[in-house]
Structure formats: C-alpha cells, structure tokens
C-alpha atoms as a PDB file:
ATOM      1  CA  MET A   1      -0.144   0.301  13.522  1.00  0.00           C
ATOM      2  CA  LEU A   2      -2.541  -1.786  11.465  1.00  0.00           C
ATOM      3  CA  SER A   3      -4.631  -4.341  13.288  1.00  0.00           C
ATOM      4  CA  ALA A   4      -5.030  -7.873  11.951  1.00  0.00           C
ATOM      5  CA  SER A   5      -8.532  -7.070  10.695  1.00  0.00           C
ATOM      6  CA  GLN A   6      -7.111  -4.230   8.578  1.00  0.00           C
ATOM      7  CA  ARG A   7      -4.718  -6.460   6.610  1.00  0.00           C
ATOM      8  CA  LEU A   8      -5.343  -8.483   3.487  1.00  0.00           C
ATOM      9  CA  ARG A   9      -3.854 -11.923   4.151  1.00  0.00           C
ATOM     10  CA  LYS A  10      -5.063 -14.346   1.482  1.00  0.00           C
ATOM     11  CA  SER A  11      -3.038 -14.435  -1.720  1.00  0.00           C
ATOM     12  CA  SER A  12      -6.249 -14.881  -3.716  1.00  0.00           C
ATOM     13  CA  GLU A  13      -7.610 -11.591  -2.333  1.00  0.00           C
ATOM     14  CA  ILE A  14      -4.332  -9.795  -2.992  1.00  0.00           C
ATOM     15  CA  SER A  15      -4.100 -11.045  -6.578  1.00  0.00           C
ATOM     16  CA  ALA A  16      -7.747 -10.082  -7.171  1.00  0.00           C
ATOM     17  CA  VAL A  17      -7.017  -6.520  -6.045  1.00  0.00           C
ATOM     18  CA  LEU A  18      -3.880  -6.402  -8.219  1.00  0.00           C
ATOM     19  CA  ARG A  19      -5.874  -7.585 -11.253  1.00  0.00           C
ATOM     20  CA  ALA A  20      -9.131  -5.689 -10.805  1.00  0.00           C
ATOM     21  CA  GLY A  21      -8.080  -2.677  -8.742  1.00  0.00           C
ATOM     22  CA  THR A  22      -7.416   0.765 -10.103  1.00  0.00           C
ATOM     23  CA  ARG A  23      -3.745   1.784 -10.087  1.00  0.00           C
ATOM     24  CA  TYR A  24      -2.505   5.074  -8.690  1.00  0.00           C
ATOM     25  CA  THR A  25       1.210   5.658  -9.147  1.00  0.00           C
ATOM     26  CA  SER A  26       3.856   7.834  -7.635  1.00  0.00           C
ATOM     27  CA  LYS A  27       7.610   7.787  -8.014  1.00  0.00           C
ATOM     28  CA  LEU A  28       8.258   5.079  -5.385  1.00  0.00           C
ATOM     29  CA  VAL A  29       4.955   3.225  -4.858  1.00  0.00           C
ATOM     30  CA  VAL A  30       1.888   2.031  -6.728  1.00  0.00           C
ATOM     31  CA  LEU A  31      -1.474   1.747  -4.985  1.00  0.00           C
ATOM     32  CA  HIS A  32      -3.971  -0.798  -6.289  1.00  0.00           C
ATOM     33  CA  VAL A  33      -7.414   0.078  -4.907  1.00  0.00           C
ATOM     34  CA  ALA A  34     -10.585  -1.999  -5.238  1.00  0.00           C
ATOM     35  CA  THR A  35     -13.925  -1.949  -3.474  1.00  0.00           C
ATOM     36  CA  GLY A  36     -14.738  -4.934  -1.316  1.00  0.00           C
ATOM     37  CA  SER A  37     -17.602  -6.392   0.624  1.00  0.00           C
ATOM     38  CA  ASN A  38     -15.766  -6.267   3.965  1.00  0.00           C
ATOM     39  CA  PRO A  39     -16.975  -3.388   6.165  1.00  0.00           C
ATOM     40  CA  GLU A  40     -13.394  -2.472   7.096  1.00  0.00           C
ATOM     41  CA  THR A  41     -10.700  -1.028   4.829  1.00  0.00           C
ATOM     42  CA  ARG A  42      -7.903  -3.554   4.398  1.00  0.00           C
ATOM     43  CA  VAL A  43      -4.291  -3.238   3.174  1.00  0.00           C
ATOM     44  CA  ALA A  44      -1.536  -5.534   1.897  1.00  0.00           C
ATOM     45  CA  PHE A  45       2.060  -4.770   0.913  1.00  0.00           C
ATOM     46  CA  ALA A  46       3.932  -6.241  -2.067  1.00  0.00           C
ATOM     47  CA  ILE A  47       7.680  -5.676  -2.047  1.00  0.00           C
ATOM     48  CA  SER A  48       9.827  -7.412  -4.634  1.00  0.00           C
ATOM     49  CA  LYS A  49      13.392  -8.630  -4.163  1.00  0.00           C
ATOM     50  CA  LYS A  50      14.353  -5.984  -6.732  1.00  0.00           C
ATOM     51  CA  VAL A  51      13.858  -3.410  -3.960  1.00  0.00           C
ATOM     52  CA  GLY A  52      16.703  -4.821  -1.853  1.00  0.00           C
ATOM     53  CA  ASN A  53      17.727  -7.555   0.526  1.00  0.00           C
ATOM     54  CA  SER A  54      15.594  -8.866   3.382  1.00  0.00           C
ATOM     55  CA  VAL A  55      16.635  -6.155   5.822  1.00  0.00           C
ATOM     56  CA  VAL A  56      15.789  -3.392   3.342  1.00  0.00           C
ATOM     57  CA  ARG A  57      12.434  -4.966   2.413  1.00  0.00           C
ATOM     58  CA  HIS A  58      11.350  -5.387   6.042  1.00  0.00           C
ATOM     59  CA  ARG A  59      12.378  -1.826   6.952  1.00  0.00           C
ATOM     60  CA  LEU A  60      10.436  -0.551   3.948  1.00  0.00           C
ATOM     61  CA  THR A  61       7.399  -2.617   4.955  1.00  0.00           C
ATOM     62  CA  ARG A  62       7.402  -1.051   8.418  1.00  0.00           C
ATOM     63  CA  GLN A  63       7.683   2.436   6.915  1.00  0.00           C
ATOM     64  CA  LEU A  64       4.891   1.802   4.424  1.00  0.00           C
ATOM     65  CA  ARG A  65       2.686   0.289   7.128  1.00  0.00           C
ATOM     66  CA  HIS A  66       3.126   3.389   9.283  1.00  0.00           C
ATOM     67  CA  SER A  67       2.406   5.778   6.399  1.00  0.00           C
ATOM     68  CA  MET A  68      -0.679   3.831   5.360  1.00  0.00           C
ATOM     69  CA  SER A  69      -2.022   3.669   8.906  1.00  0.00           C
ATOM     70  CA  LEU A  70      -2.046   7.480   8.947  1.00  0.00           C
ATOM     71  CA  ASN A  71      -3.926   7.636   5.613  1.00  0.00           C
ATOM     72  CA  LEU A  72      -6.315   4.706   5.969  1.00  0.00           C
ATOM     73  CA  ASN A  73      -9.262   6.821   7.134  1.00  0.00           C
ATOM     74  CA  ARG A  74      -9.175   8.785   3.859  1.00  0.00           C
ATOM     75  CA  PHE A  75     -10.401   5.790   1.851  1.00  0.00           C
ATOM     76  CA  PRO A  76     -14.066   4.796   1.560  1.00  0.00           C
ATOM     77  CA  GLN A  77     -15.132   2.114   3.987  1.00  0.00           C
ATOM     78  CA  GLY A  78     -14.595  -1.383   2.588  1.00  0.00           C
ATOM     79  CA  SER A  79     -11.733  -0.487   0.256  1.00  0.00           C
ATOM     80  CA  GLN A  80      -9.075  -3.087  -0.420  1.00  0.00           C
ATOM     81  CA  ILE A  81      -5.614  -1.684  -1.055  1.00  0.00           C
ATOM     82  CA  VAL A  82      -2.352  -3.268  -2.163  1.00  0.00           C
ATOM     83  CA  VAL A  83       0.734  -1.079  -1.834  1.00  0.00           C
ATOM     84  CA  ARG A  84       3.429  -2.161  -4.275  1.00  0.00           C
ATOM     85  CA  ALA A  85       6.924  -0.748  -3.772  1.00  0.00           C
ATOM     86  CA  LEU A  86       9.011   0.144  -6.797  1.00  0.00           C
ATOM     87  CA  PRO A  87      12.779  -0.605  -6.873  1.00  0.00           C
ATOM     88  CA  GLY A  88      13.864   2.936  -5.917  1.00  0.00           C
ATOM     89  CA  ALA A  89      11.931   2.795  -2.649  1.00  0.00           C
ATOM     90  CA  GLY A  90      14.572   0.685  -0.912  1.00  0.00           C
ATOM     91  CA  SER A  91      17.087   3.514  -0.813  1.00  0.00           C
ATOM     92  CA  ALA A  92      14.612   6.337  -0.153  1.00  0.00           C
ATOM     93  CA  LYS A  93      14.275   8.218   3.123  1.00  0.00           C
ATOM     94  CA  PHE A  94      11.110   7.891   5.183  1.00  0.00           C
ATOM     95  CA  SER A  95      10.078  11.455   4.339  1.00  0.00           C
ATOM     96  CA  GLU A  96      10.219  10.651   0.604  1.00  0.00           C
ATOM     97  CA  ILE A  97       8.234   7.456   1.091  1.00  0.00           C
ATOM     98  CA  SER A  98       5.633   9.288   3.153  1.00  0.00           C
ATOM     99  CA  GLU A  99       5.308  12.024   0.510  1.00  0.00           C
ATOM    100  CA  ASN A 100       4.849   9.416  -2.228  1.00  0.00           C
ATOM    101  CA  ILE A 101       2.188   7.596  -0.215  1.00  0.00           C
ATOM    102  CA  ASP A 102       0.353  10.899   0.417  1.00  0.00           C
ATOM    103  CA  PHE A 103       0.539  11.773  -3.283  1.00  0.00           C
ATOM    104  CA  ALA A 104      -0.839   8.392  -4.411  1.00  0.00           C
ATOM    105  CA  VAL A 105      -3.556   8.389  -1.721  1.00  0.00           C
ATOM    106  CA  THR A 106      -4.649  11.883  -2.736  1.00  0.00           C
ATOM    107  CA  LYS A 107      -4.929  10.708  -6.361  1.00  0.00           C
ATOM    108  CA  ALA A 108      -6.901   7.638  -5.294  1.00  0.00           C
ATOM    109  CA  VAL A 109      -9.321   9.502  -3.032  1.00  0.00           C
ATOM    110  CA  SER A 110      -9.992  12.336  -5.485  1.00  0.00           C
ATOM    111  CA  ALA A 111     -10.700   9.969  -8.405  1.00  0.00           C
END
C-alpha cells in the first residue's frame, strides 16, 4: 500500500506532471513521469468516467495502487508519476493490468 507521503495530492502538481512529464504507454495505462525536488517518489492516479462507473473506477484504482506499490522502487528517487487509465482498463483482469503496468514501468526506467 502507498503511504500518504508517496501520493501526489495537489491538482497543480498532478497537472504539472501531466504537462511536463514524459509519457510511457501500454495498452491499458499511460505513465507520466517527471523528476521532482521531493526526496520520495510520489504517485497519483487519473481515471476518467470513460473507464466505467464509480464502482469500476474505484476497483481499478485499488488494483493500480497495488501494482504501482510493487514497482515504485524501480524509479529514481524523487520521481513524480501520474498513472492514467485508458478506457479498456475498466474491463481488464488484474493480471492484464499488472502486466501493462510492468511493461510501462520497464519502458520508463530503461529510458
């Protein structure tokens, strides 16, 4: 689970990462990664209503949060990450979501 210090909370910080961060895409998610001045790597999740209803979006958020918590140590210290779910992610299984997160993280870390 992600602690409060590992989450991006301010909308201004999230929009800055979305604008200035580098995008790494997979079939179901897009990672926006930027370097920050905070000593800890921080994450936010952006899930549109196009993904599904409230129940689907919250379930997907929990799944993405779990997958990202397993991969957070792969990023350089101080990274700021926004995980944006694409519309197909709402109906995907957890194994597919996890594979897509791993794929995008691998692209981000190796770049």
